[in-house]
Amino acid sequence: MGDVWRGYDAVLDRPVAVKLIRPQAWSTRTSFSGSWWR
């Protein structure tokens, strides 16, 4: 689905993990959010 990055949240002043979802993942899953929720 994508890449996971080690990151930093400047607002909360803490380390975070950020997942960047590839555009191809959205185009191949027309109802991605619905299937994830189910």
PDB file of all heavy atoms in Angstrom:
ATOM      1  N   MET A   1       0.799  -1.221   0.000  1.00  0.00           N
ATOM      2  CA  MET A   1       0.000   0.000   0.000  1.00  0.00           C
ATOM      3  C   MET A   1       0.835   1.276   0.000  1.00  0.00           C
ATOM      4  O   MET A   1       0.383   2.302  -0.476  1.00  0.00           O
ATOM      5  CB  MET A   1      -0.911   0.033   1.232  1.00  0.00           C
ATOM      6  CG  MET A   1      -1.960  -1.048   1.264  1.00  0.00           C
ATOM      7  SD  MET A   1      -3.349  -0.724   0.191  1.00  0.00           S
ATOM      8  CE  MET A   1      -3.959   0.805   0.824  1.00  0.00           C
ATOM      9  N   GLY A   2       2.025   1.232   0.589  1.00  0.00           N
ATOM     10  CA  GLY A   2       2.812   2.455   0.664  1.00  0.00           C
ATOM     11  C   GLY A   2       4.079   2.288   1.470  1.00  0.00           C
ATOM     12  O   GLY A   2       4.535   1.180   1.728  1.00  0.00           O
ATOM     13  N   ASP A   3       4.617   3.419   1.885  1.00  0.00           N
ATOM     14  CA  ASP A   3       5.882   3.457   2.618  1.00  0.00           C
ATOM     15  C   ASP A   3       5.650   4.037   4.009  1.00  0.00           C
ATOM     16  O   ASP A   3       4.824   4.924   4.191  1.00  0.00           O
ATOM     17  CB  ASP A   3       6.891   4.340   1.883  1.00  0.00           C
ATOM     18  CG  ASP A   3       7.120   3.867   0.463  1.00  0.00           C
ATOM     19  OD1 ASP A   3       7.231   2.650   0.254  1.00  0.00           O
ATOM     20  OD2 ASP A   3       7.184   4.724  -0.443  1.00  0.00           O
ATOM     21  N   VAL A   4       6.416   3.550   4.977  1.00  0.00           N
ATOM     22  CA  VAL A   4       6.332   4.070   6.341  1.00  0.00           C
ATOM     23  C   VAL A   4       7.628   4.802   6.655  1.00  0.00           C
ATOM     24  O   VAL A   4       8.718   4.297   6.401  1.00  0.00           O
ATOM     25  CB  VAL A   4       6.094   2.933   7.363  1.00  0.00           C
ATOM     26  CG1 VAL A   4       5.991   3.499   8.774  1.00  0.00           C
ATOM     27  CG2 VAL A   4       4.837   2.146   7.011  1.00  0.00           C
ATOM     28  N   TRP A   5       7.481   5.986   7.189  1.00  0.00           N
ATOM     29  CA  TRP A   5       8.620   6.850   7.487  1.00  0.00           C
ATOM     30  C   TRP A   5       8.714   7.125   8.984  1.00  0.00           C
ATOM     31  O   TRP A   5       7.695   7.260   9.664  1.00  0.00           O
ATOM     32  CB  TRP A   5       8.453   8.202   6.786  1.00  0.00           C
ATOM     33  CG  TRP A   5       8.646   8.144   5.317  1.00  0.00           C
ATOM     34  CD1 TRP A   5       7.811   7.598   4.387  1.00  0.00           C
ATOM     35  CD2 TRP A   5       9.757   8.654   4.595  1.00  0.00           C
ATOM     36  NE1 TRP A   5       8.326   7.739   3.143  1.00  0.00           N
ATOM     37  CE2 TRP A   5       9.531   8.396   3.242  1.00  0.00           C
ATOM     38  CE3 TRP A   5      10.919   9.315   4.969  1.00  0.00           C
ATOM     39  CZ2 TRP A   5      10.428   8.767   2.257  1.00  0.00           C
ATOM     40  CZ3 TRP A   5      11.811   9.694   3.987  1.00  0.00           C
ATOM     41  CH2 TRP A   5      11.564   9.417   2.649  1.00  0.00           C
ATOM     42  N   ARG A   6       9.922   7.215   9.485  1.00  0.00           N
ATOM     43  CA  ARG A   6      10.168   7.743  10.823  1.00  0.00           C
ATOM     44  C   ARG A   6      10.062   9.249  10.674  1.00  0.00           C
ATOM     45  O   ARG A   6      10.647   9.846   9.765  1.00  0.00           O
ATOM     46  CB  ARG A   6      11.563   7.352  11.300  1.00  0.00           C
ATOM     47  CG  ARG A   6      11.871   7.794  12.716  1.00  0.00           C
ATOM     48  CD  ARG A   6      13.212   7.273  13.184  1.00  0.00           C
ATOM     49  NE  ARG A   6      14.311   7.815  12.390  1.00  0.00           N
ATOM     50  CZ  ARG A   6      14.912   8.965  12.637  1.00  0.00           C
ATOM     51  NH1 ARG A   6      14.525   9.704  13.655  1.00  0.00           N
ATOM     52  NH2 ARG A   6      15.894   9.378  11.876  1.00  0.00           N
ATOM     53  N   GLY A   7       9.260   9.860  11.538  1.00  0.00           N
ATOM     54  CA  GLY A   7       9.043  11.287  11.396  1.00  0.00           C
ATOM     55  C   GLY A   7       8.976  12.002  12.726  1.00  0.00           C
ATOM     56  O   GLY A   7       9.205  11.422  13.786  1.00  0.00           O
ATOM     57  N   TYR A   8       8.652  13.277  12.639  1.00  0.00           N
ATOM     58  CA  TYR A   8       8.558  14.133  13.810  1.00  0.00           C
ATOM     59  C   TYR A   8       7.359  15.054  13.631  1.00  0.00           C
ATOM     60  O   TYR A   8       7.195  15.674  12.580  1.00  0.00           O
ATOM     61  CB  TYR A   8       9.843  14.948  13.959  1.00  0.00           C
ATOM     62  CG  TYR A   8       9.809  15.896  15.121  1.00  0.00           C
ATOM     63  CD1 TYR A   8       9.984  15.431  16.417  1.00  0.00           C
ATOM     64  CD2 TYR A   8       9.584  17.247  14.922  1.00  0.00           C
ATOM     65  CE1 TYR A   8       9.925  16.294  17.493  1.00  0.00           C
ATOM     66  CE2 TYR A   8       9.531  18.119  15.985  1.00  0.00           C
ATOM     67  CZ  TYR A   8       9.698  17.638  17.270  1.00  0.00           C
ATOM     68  OH  TYR A   8       9.644  18.500  18.328  1.00  0.00           O
ATOM     69  N   ASP A   9       6.505  15.119  14.645  1.00  0.00           N
ATOM     70  CA  ASP A   9       5.347  16.008  14.636  1.00  0.00           C
ATOM     71  C   ASP A   9       5.740  17.294  15.351  1.00  0.00           C
ATOM     72  O   ASP A   9       5.945  17.303  16.570  1.00  0.00           O
ATOM     73  CB  ASP A   9       4.178  15.326  15.344  1.00  0.00           C
ATOM     74  CG  ASP A   9       2.896  16.148  15.294  1.00  0.00           C
ATOM     75  OD1 ASP A   9       2.961  17.382  15.166  1.00  0.00           O
ATOM     76  OD2 ASP A   9       1.820  15.536  15.391  1.00  0.00           O
ATOM     77  N   ALA A  10       5.864  18.379  14.594  1.00  0.00           N
ATOM     78  CA  ALA A  10       6.301  19.660  15.162  1.00  0.00           C
ATOM     79  C   ALA A  10       5.253  20.265  16.089  1.00  0.00           C
ATOM     80  O   ALA A  10       5.593  20.999  17.021  1.00  0.00           O
ATOM     81  CB  ALA A  10       6.640  20.638  14.050  1.00  0.00           C
ATOM     82  N   VAL A  11       3.980  19.959  15.881  1.00  0.00           N
ATOM     83  CA  VAL A  11       2.925  20.512  16.727  1.00  0.00           C
ATOM     84  C   VAL A  11       2.904  19.823  18.091  1.00  0.00           C
ATOM     85  O   VAL A  11       2.827  20.466  19.127  1.00  0.00           O
ATOM     86  CB  VAL A  11       1.550  20.398  16.032  1.00  0.00           C
ATOM     87  CG1 VAL A  11       0.430  20.820  16.958  1.00  0.00           C
ATOM     88  CG2 VAL A  11       1.529  21.235  14.758  1.00  0.00           C
ATOM     89  N   LEU A  12       2.972  18.492  18.089  1.00  0.00           N
ATOM     90  CA  LEU A  12       2.947  17.746  19.350  1.00  0.00           C
ATOM     91  C   LEU A  12       4.336  17.582  19.969  1.00  0.00           C
ATOM     92  O   LEU A  12       4.452  17.078  21.079  1.00  0.00           O
ATOM     93  CB  LEU A  12       2.321  16.365  19.136  1.00  0.00           C
ATOM     94  CG  LEU A  12       0.858  16.365  18.719  1.00  0.00           C
ATOM     95  CD1 LEU A  12       0.384  14.943  18.468  1.00  0.00           C
ATOM     96  CD2 LEU A  12      -0.003  17.032  19.778  1.00  0.00           C
ATOM     97  N   ASP A  13       5.365  17.969  19.225  1.00  0.00           N
ATOM     98  CA  ASP A  13       6.747  17.879  19.694  1.00  0.00           C
ATOM     99  C   ASP A  13       7.090  16.450  20.124  1.00  0.00           C
ATOM    100  O   ASP A  13       7.512  16.202  21.249  1.00  0.00           O
ATOM    101  CB  ASP A  13       6.974  18.861  20.850  1.00  0.00           C
ATOM    102  CG  ASP A  13       8.446  18.988  21.219  1.00  0.00           C
ATOM    103  OD1 ASP A  13       9.297  18.803  20.341  1.00  0.00           O
ATOM    104  OD2 ASP A  13       8.735  19.264  22.406  1.00  0.00           O
ATOM    105  N   ARG A  14       6.878  15.506  19.171  1.00  0.00           N
ATOM    106  CA  ARG A  14       7.141  14.103  19.471  1.00  0.00           C
ATOM    107  C   ARG A  14       7.421  13.323  18.200  1.00  0.00           C
ATOM    108  O   ARG A  14       6.987  13.708  17.112  1.00  0.00           O
ATOM    109  CB  ARG A  14       5.969  13.485  20.218  1.00  0.00           C
ATOM    110  CG  ARG A  14       4.675  13.537  19.430  1.00  0.00           C
ATOM    111  CD  ARG A  14       3.504  13.019  20.193  1.00  0.00           C
ATOM    112  NE  ARG A  14       3.381  11.592  19.976  1.00  0.00           N
ATOM    113  CZ  ARG A  14       2.582  10.806  20.653  1.00  0.00           C
ATOM    114  NH1 ARG A  14       1.830  11.306  21.606  1.00  0.00           N
ATOM    115  NH2 ARG A  14       2.513   9.533  20.399  1.00  0.00           N
ATOM    116  N   PRO A  15       8.129  12.203  18.330  1.00  0.00           N
ATOM    117  CA  PRO A  15       8.363  11.358  17.160  1.00  0.00           C
ATOM    118  C   PRO A  15       7.083  10.638  16.762  1.00  0.00           C
ATOM    119  O   PRO A  15       6.232  10.338  17.608  1.00  0.00           O
ATOM    120  CB  PRO A  15       9.429  10.367  17.639  1.00  0.00           C
ATOM    121  CG  PRO A  15       9.385  10.400  19.115  1.00  0.00           C
ATOM    122  CD  PRO A  15       8.818  11.728  19.518  1.00  0.00           C
ATOM    123  N   VAL A  16       6.935  10.397  15.464  1.00  0.00           N
ATOM    124  CA  VAL A  16       5.762   9.710  14.929  1.00  0.00           C
ATOM    125  C   VAL A  16       6.183   8.774  13.798  1.00  0.00           C
ATOM    126  O   VAL A  16       7.304   8.865  13.287  1.00  0.00           O
ATOM    127  CB  VAL A  16       4.707  10.707  14.388  1.00  0.00           C
ATOM    128  CG1 VAL A  16       4.127  11.576  15.488  1.00  0.00           C
ATOM    129  CG2 VAL A  16       5.287  11.578  13.288  1.00  0.00           C
ATOM    130  N   ALA A  17       5.264   7.907  13.410  1.00  0.00           N
ATOM    131  CA  ALA A  17       5.414   7.121  12.191  1.00  0.00           C
ATOM    132  C   ALA A  17       4.379   7.645  11.203  1.00  0.00           C
ATOM    133  O   ALA A  17       3.234   7.897  11.575  1.00  0.00           O
ATOM    134  CB  ALA A  17       5.179   5.645  12.468  1.00  0.00           C
ATOM    135  N   VAL A  18       4.784   7.841   9.958  1.00  0.00           N
ATOM    136  CA  VAL A  18       3.894   8.384   8.931  1.00  0.00           C
ATOM    137  C   VAL A  18       3.835   7.391   7.781  1.00  0.00           C
ATOM    138  O   VAL A  18       4.872   6.994   7.255  1.00  0.00           O
ATOM    139  CB  VAL A  18       4.406   9.745   8.410  1.00  0.00           C
ATOM    140  CG1 VAL A  18       3.502  10.276   7.308  1.00  0.00           C
ATOM    141  CG2 VAL A  18       4.526  10.746   9.545  1.00  0.00           C
ATOM    142  N   LYS A  19       2.629   6.974   7.404  1.00  0.00           N
ATOM    143  CA  LYS A  19       2.471   6.071   6.267  1.00  0.00           C
ATOM    144  C   LYS A  19       1.985   6.878   5.073  1.00  0.00           C
ATOM    145  O   LYS A  19       0.973   7.569   5.140  1.00  0.00           O
ATOM    146  CB  LYS A  19       1.477   4.960   6.564  1.00  0.00           C
ATOM    147  CG  LYS A  19       1.365   3.974   5.415  1.00  0.00           C
ATOM    148  CD  LYS A  19       0.602   2.738   5.806  1.00  0.00           C
ATOM    149  CE  LYS A  19       0.699   1.700   4.714  1.00  0.00           C
ATOM    150  NZ  LYS A  19       0.063   0.445   5.118  1.00  0.00           N
ATOM    151  N   LEU A  20       2.739   6.795   3.993  1.00  0.00           N
ATOM    152  CA  LEU A  20       2.369   7.457   2.741  1.00  0.00           C
ATOM    153  C   LEU A  20       1.800   6.388   1.817  1.00  0.00           C
ATOM    154  O   LEU A  20       2.500   5.459   1.422  1.00  0.00           O
ATOM    155  CB  LEU A  20       3.590   8.120   2.106  1.00  0.00           C
ATOM    156  CG  LEU A  20       4.271   9.184   2.960  1.00  0.00           C
ATOM    157  CD1 LEU A  20       5.494   9.721   2.235  1.00  0.00           C
ATOM    158  CD2 LEU A  20       3.306  10.297   3.284  1.00  0.00           C
ATOM    159  N   ILE A  21       0.530   6.516   1.476  1.00  0.00           N
ATOM    160  CA  ILE A  21      -0.131   5.533   0.615  1.00  0.00           C
ATOM    161  C   ILE A  21       0.117   5.905  -0.835  1.00  0.00           C
ATOM    162  O   ILE A  21      -0.079   7.054  -1.242  1.00  0.00           O
ATOM    163  CB  ILE A  21      -1.632   5.469   0.929  1.00  0.00           C
ATOM    164  CG1 ILE A  21      -1.814   5.024   2.375  1.00  0.00           C
ATOM    165  CG2 ILE A  21      -2.348   4.532  -0.027  1.00  0.00           C
ATOM    166  CD1 ILE A  21      -3.231   4.989   2.853  1.00  0.00           C
ATOM    167  N   ARG A  22       0.562   4.920  -1.608  1.00  0.00           N
ATOM    168  CA  ARG A  22       0.848   5.146  -3.030  1.00  0.00           C
ATOM    169  C   ARG A  22      -0.444   5.417  -3.805  1.00  0.00           C
ATOM    170  O   ARG A  22      -1.475   4.817  -3.520  1.00  0.00           O
ATOM    171  CB  ARG A  22       1.514   3.901  -3.617  1.00  0.00           C
ATOM    172  CG  ARG A  22       2.883   3.649  -3.079  1.00  0.00           C
ATOM    173  CD  ARG A  22       3.538   2.492  -3.847  1.00  0.00           C
ATOM    174  NE  ARG A  22       4.779   2.145  -3.190  1.00  0.00           N
ATOM    175  CZ  ARG A  22       4.927   1.122  -2.359  1.00  0.00           C
ATOM    176  NH1 ARG A  22       3.917   0.332  -2.108  1.00  0.00           N
ATOM    177  NH2 ARG A  22       6.086   0.888  -1.791  1.00  0.00           N
ATOM    178  N   PRO A  23      -0.383   6.307  -4.799  1.00  0.00           N
ATOM    179  CA  PRO A  23      -1.577   6.595  -5.616  1.00  0.00           C
ATOM    180  C   PRO A  23      -2.154   5.333  -6.269  1.00  0.00           C
ATOM    181  O   PRO A  23      -3.363   5.209  -6.413  1.00  0.00           O
ATOM    182  CB  PRO A  23      -1.071   7.576  -6.673  1.00  0.00           C
ATOM    183  CG  PRO A  23       0.147   8.187  -6.082  1.00  0.00           C
ATOM    184  CD  PRO A  23       0.746   7.141  -5.188  1.00  0.00           C
ATOM    185  N   GLN A  24      -1.298   4.388  -6.637  1.00  0.00           N
ATOM    186  CA  GLN A  24      -1.775   3.154  -7.260  1.00  0.00           C
ATOM    187  C   GLN A  24      -2.668   2.368  -6.309  1.00  0.00           C
ATOM    188  O   GLN A  24      -3.579   1.665  -6.743  1.00  0.00           O
ATOM    189  CB  GLN A  24      -0.599   2.261  -7.698  1.00  0.00           C
ATOM    190  CG  GLN A  24       0.316   2.882  -8.712  1.00  0.00           C
ATOM    191  CD  GLN A  24       1.413   3.738  -8.066  1.00  0.00           C
ATOM    192  OE1 GLN A  24       1.410   4.016  -6.880  1.00  0.00           O
ATOM    193  NE2 GLN A  24       2.350   4.180  -8.885  1.00  0.00           N
ATOM    194  N   ALA A  25      -2.424   2.455  -5.016  1.00  0.00           N
ATOM    195  CA  ALA A  25      -3.240   1.736  -4.029  1.00  0.00           C
ATOM    196  C   ALA A  25      -4.667   2.271  -4.034  1.00  0.00           C
ATOM    197  O   ALA A  25      -5.618   1.508  -3.891  1.00  0.00           O
ATOM    198  CB  ALA A  25      -2.634   1.866  -2.645  1.00  0.00           C
ATOM    199  N   TRP A  26      -4.828   3.571  -4.218  1.00  0.00           N
ATOM    200  CA  TRP A  26      -6.175   4.147  -4.271  1.00  0.00           C
ATOM    201  C   TRP A  26      -6.879   3.759  -5.555  1.00  0.00           C
ATOM    202  O   TRP A  26      -8.061   3.462  -5.555  1.00  0.00           O
ATOM    203  CB  TRP A  26      -6.118   5.662  -4.164  1.00  0.00           C
ATOM    204  CG  TRP A  26      -5.737   6.137  -2.810  1.00  0.00           C
ATOM    205  CD1 TRP A  26      -4.550   6.693  -2.451  1.00  0.00           C
ATOM    206  CD2 TRP A  26      -6.511   6.082  -1.620  1.00  0.00           C
ATOM    207  NE1 TRP A  26      -4.544   6.991  -1.113  1.00  0.00           N
ATOM    208  CE2 TRP A  26      -5.736   6.623  -0.577  1.00  0.00           C
ATOM    209  CE3 TRP A  26      -7.792   5.618  -1.326  1.00  0.00           C
ATOM    210  CZ2 TRP A  26      -6.206   6.735   0.731  1.00  0.00           C
ATOM    211  CZ3 TRP A  26      -8.247   5.723  -0.023  1.00  0.00           C
ATOM    212  CH2 TRP A  26      -7.462   6.272   0.979  1.00  0.00           C
ATOM    213  N   SER A  27      -6.162   3.762  -6.670  1.00  0.00           N
ATOM    214  CA  SER A  27      -6.806   3.487  -7.949  1.00  0.00           C
ATOM    215  C   SER A  27      -7.217   2.026  -8.080  1.00  0.00           C
ATOM    216  O   SER A  27      -8.164   1.713  -8.785  1.00  0.00           O
ATOM    217  CB  SER A  27      -5.888   3.884  -9.107  1.00  0.00           C
ATOM    218  OG  SER A  27      -4.716   3.093  -9.094  1.00  0.00           O
ATOM    219  N   THR A  28      -6.533   1.109  -7.406  1.00  0.00           N
ATOM    220  CA  THR A  28      -6.892  -0.302  -7.501  1.00  0.00           C
ATOM    221  C   THR A  28      -7.903  -0.716  -6.447  1.00  0.00           C
ATOM    222  O   THR A  28      -8.464  -1.789  -6.514  1.00  0.00           O
ATOM    223  CB  THR A  28      -5.642  -1.200  -7.350  1.00  0.00           C
ATOM    224  OG1 THR A  28      -5.044  -0.937  -6.092  1.00  0.00           O
ATOM    225  CG2 THR A  28      -4.659  -0.953  -8.474  1.00  0.00           C
ATOM    226  N   ARG A  29      -8.157   0.128  -5.482  1.00  0.00           N
ATOM    227  CA  ARG A  29      -9.135  -0.168  -4.435  1.00  0.00           C
ATOM    228  C   ARG A  29     -10.185   0.939  -4.444  1.00  0.00           C
ATOM    229  O   ARG A  29     -10.056   1.931  -3.745  1.00  0.00           O
ATOM    230  CB  ARG A  29      -8.441  -0.248  -3.077  1.00  0.00           C
ATOM    231  CG  ARG A  29      -7.565  -1.450  -2.959  1.00  0.00           C
ATOM    232  CD  ARG A  29      -6.797  -1.399  -1.648  1.00  0.00           C
ATOM    233  NE  ARG A  29      -6.087  -2.611  -1.385  1.00  0.00           N
ATOM    234  CZ  ARG A  29      -4.907  -2.937  -1.896  1.00  0.00           C
ATOM    235  NH1 ARG A  29      -4.330  -2.120  -2.736  1.00  0.00           N
ATOM    236  NH2 ARG A  29      -4.317  -4.072  -1.583  1.00  0.00           N
ATOM    237  N   THR A  30     -11.230   0.737  -5.210  1.00  0.00           N
ATOM    238  CA  THR A  30     -12.226   1.795  -5.360  1.00  0.00           C
ATOM    239  C   THR A  30     -12.944   2.091  -4.057  1.00  0.00           C
ATOM    240  O   THR A  30     -13.385   3.202  -3.831  1.00  0.00           O
ATOM    241  CB  THR A  30     -13.250   1.422  -6.441  1.00  0.00           C
ATOM    242  OG1 THR A  30     -13.824   0.172  -6.098  1.00  0.00           O
ATOM    243  CG2 THR A  30     -12.595   1.335  -7.804  1.00  0.00           C
ATOM    244  N   SER A  31     -13.052   1.098  -3.190  1.00  0.00           N
ATOM    245  CA  SER A  31     -13.703   1.348  -1.904  1.00  0.00           C
ATOM    246  C   SER A  31     -12.746   1.007  -0.766  1.00  0.00           C
ATOM    247  O   SER A  31     -13.080   0.285   0.152  1.00  0.00           O
ATOM    248  CB  SER A  31     -14.986   0.541  -1.787  1.00  0.00           C
ATOM    249  OG  SER A  31     -14.691  -0.836  -1.858  1.00  0.00           O
ATOM    250  N   PHE A  32     -11.530   1.543  -0.849  1.00  0.00           N
ATOM    251  CA  PHE A  32     -10.506   1.239   0.146  1.00  0.00           C
ATOM    252  C   PHE A  32     -10.987   1.508   1.566  1.00  0.00           C
ATOM    253  O   PHE A  32     -10.900   0.660   2.430  1.00  0.00           O
ATOM    254  CB  PHE A  32      -9.236   2.053  -0.136  1.00  0.00           C
ATOM    255  CG  PHE A  32      -8.259   2.047   1.007  1.00  0.00           C
ATOM    256  CD1 PHE A  32      -7.515   0.915   1.268  1.00  0.00           C
ATOM    257  CD2 PHE A  32      -8.111   3.153   1.812  1.00  0.00           C
ATOM    258  CE1 PHE A  32      -6.612   0.893   2.314  1.00  0.00           C
ATOM    259  CE2 PHE A  32      -7.221   3.135   2.867  1.00  0.00           C
ATOM    260  CZ  PHE A  32      -6.471   2.000   3.115  1.00  0.00           C
ATOM    261  N   SER A  33     -11.506   2.698   1.820  1.00  0.00           N
ATOM    262  CA  SER A  33     -11.893   3.031   3.192  1.00  0.00           C
ATOM    263  C   SER A  33     -13.023   2.154   3.682  1.00  0.00           C
ATOM    264  O   SER A  33     -13.052   1.750   4.837  1.00  0.00           O
ATOM    265  CB  SER A  33     -12.260   4.506   3.322  1.00  0.00           C
ATOM    266  OG  SER A  33     -13.364   4.806   2.505  1.00  0.00           O
ATOM    267  N   GLY A  34     -13.956   1.810   2.812  1.00  0.00           N
ATOM    268  CA  GLY A  34     -15.060   0.940   3.213  1.00  0.00           C
ATOM    269  C   GLY A  34     -14.585  -0.457   3.555  1.00  0.00           C
ATOM    270  O   GLY A  34     -14.993  -1.035   4.565  1.00  0.00           O
ATOM    271  N   SER A  35     -13.704  -1.014   2.743  1.00  0.00           N
ATOM    272  CA  SER A  35     -13.211  -2.366   3.030  1.00  0.00           C
ATOM    273  C   SER A  35     -12.330  -2.357   4.271  1.00  0.00           C
ATOM    274  O   SER A  35     -12.358  -3.300   5.067  1.00  0.00           O
ATOM    275  CB  SER A  35     -12.442  -2.927   1.835  1.00  0.00           C
ATOM    276  OG  SER A  35     -11.303  -2.157   1.557  1.00  0.00           O
ATOM    277  N   TRP A  36     -11.555  -1.303   4.477  1.00  0.00           N
ATOM    278  CA  TRP A  36     -10.738  -1.211   5.684  1.00  0.00           C
ATOM    279  C   TRP A  36     -11.627  -1.157   6.917  1.00  0.00           C
ATOM    280  O   TRP A  36     -11.387  -1.847   7.896  1.00  0.00           O
ATOM    281  CB  TRP A  36      -9.838   0.023   5.618  1.00  0.00           C
ATOM    282  CG  TRP A  36      -9.039   0.213   6.866  1.00  0.00           C
ATOM    283  CD1 TRP A  36      -7.876  -0.404   7.191  1.00  0.00           C
ATOM    284  CD2 TRP A  36      -9.364   1.072   7.969  1.00  0.00           C
ATOM    285  NE1 TRP A  36      -7.444   0.015   8.426  1.00  0.00           N
ATOM    286  CE2 TRP A  36      -8.338   0.918   8.930  1.00  0.00           C
ATOM    287  CE3 TRP A  36     -10.411   1.943   8.231  1.00  0.00           C
ATOM    288  CZ2 TRP A  36      -8.339   1.607  10.123  1.00  0.00           C
ATOM    289  CZ3 TRP A  36     -10.400   2.635   9.426  1.00  0.00           C
ATOM    290  CH2 TRP A  36      -9.375   2.461  10.351  1.00  0.00           C
ATOM    291  N   TRP A  37     -12.665  -0.345   6.864  1.00  0.00           N
ATOM    292  CA  TRP A  37     -13.555  -0.201   8.008  1.00  0.00           C
ATOM    293  C   TRP A  37     -14.258  -1.517   8.311  1.00  0.00           C
ATOM    294  O   TRP A  37     -14.391  -1.909   9.465  1.00  0.00           O
ATOM    295  CB  TRP A  37     -14.557   0.914   7.738  1.00  0.00           C
ATOM    296  CG  TRP A  37     -15.413   1.207   8.929  1.00  0.00           C
ATOM    297  CD1 TRP A  37     -16.708   0.848   9.107  1.00  0.00           C
ATOM    298  CD2 TRP A  37     -15.026   1.896  10.115  1.00  0.00           C
ATOM    299  NE1 TRP A  37     -17.154   1.277  10.323  1.00  0.00           N
ATOM    300  CE2 TRP A  37     -16.137   1.924  10.966  1.00  0.00           C
ATOM    301  CE3 TRP A  37     -13.852   2.490  10.539  1.00  0.00           C
ATOM    302  CZ2 TRP A  37     -16.108   2.527  12.223  1.00  0.00           C
ATOM    303  CZ3 TRP A  37     -13.828   3.092  11.786  1.00  0.00           C
ATOM    304  CH2 TRP A  37     -14.944   3.101  12.600  1.00  0.00           C
ATOM    305  N   ARG A  38     -14.720  -2.213   7.280  1.00  0.00           N
ATOM    306  CA  ARG A  38     -15.413  -3.491   7.489  1.00  0.00           C
ATOM    307  C   ARG A  38     -14.490  -4.539   8.084  1.00  0.00           C
ATOM    308  O   ARG A  38     -14.930  -5.429   8.807  1.00  0.00           O
ATOM    309  CB  ARG A  38     -16.013  -3.996   6.185  1.00  0.00           C
ATOM    310  CG  ARG A  38     -17.275  -3.247   5.767  1.00  0.00           C
ATOM    311  CD  ARG A  38     -17.955  -3.931   4.598  1.00  0.00           C
ATOM    312  NE  ARG A  38     -17.123  -3.990   3.411  1.00  0.00           N
ATOM    313  CZ  ARG A  38     -16.979  -3.004   2.534  1.00  0.00           C
ATOM    314  NH1 ARG A  38     -17.607  -1.868   2.717  1.00  0.00           N
ATOM    315  NH2 ARG A  38     -16.214  -3.145   1.478  1.00  0.00           N
TER     316      ARG A  38
END
